[in-house]
């Protein structure tokens, strides 16, 4: 059974939005399974991942604020978590001076457990301003997509030379 073009495109966007695959799984799937050109694979996968990353950041930020307003117990837990995390890790870089770059690099590395979802969670925990977090998520995902495209094309060339 052949999958039509629109469903293939939608599946790449959804795969890009999922927390495990993100662009690391969506781009190779689009290129190798669906035979999309690299530019199309990039646009679809990155779009899905950016939408997911920004959505996770917004939902977690406002959900944590909502829960803190409703419960004193939650306020204590969230306050401890946020302050403890900030104390332990902001000593490594001055508050907000390098936080954009740290989050950008974390998201841009296409490795397991890094990406827009993890970056959005980290941005909420560190209390990053929304504009800084959004810029880091968008630019990090964009660079991760470029890296995955390059690695996919390099792998494609390597396989073509060594298998045929």
Foldseek 3Di string as FASTA:
>chain_A
DDDDDVVLLVVLLQLLLDPFPNLVNSQLCCCPVVVDPNVSSLVSRLNSQLVNLLVLLVCVLVVLVVVLVVDVVSVVVLVCQLVVVCVVPCVVDPPPPCPLVVLLVQQQPPDGPGHSNNSSVVCSSPVPPSVSSSVSRSNSSSNNSVVSSVVSVVVVVVCVVPPD
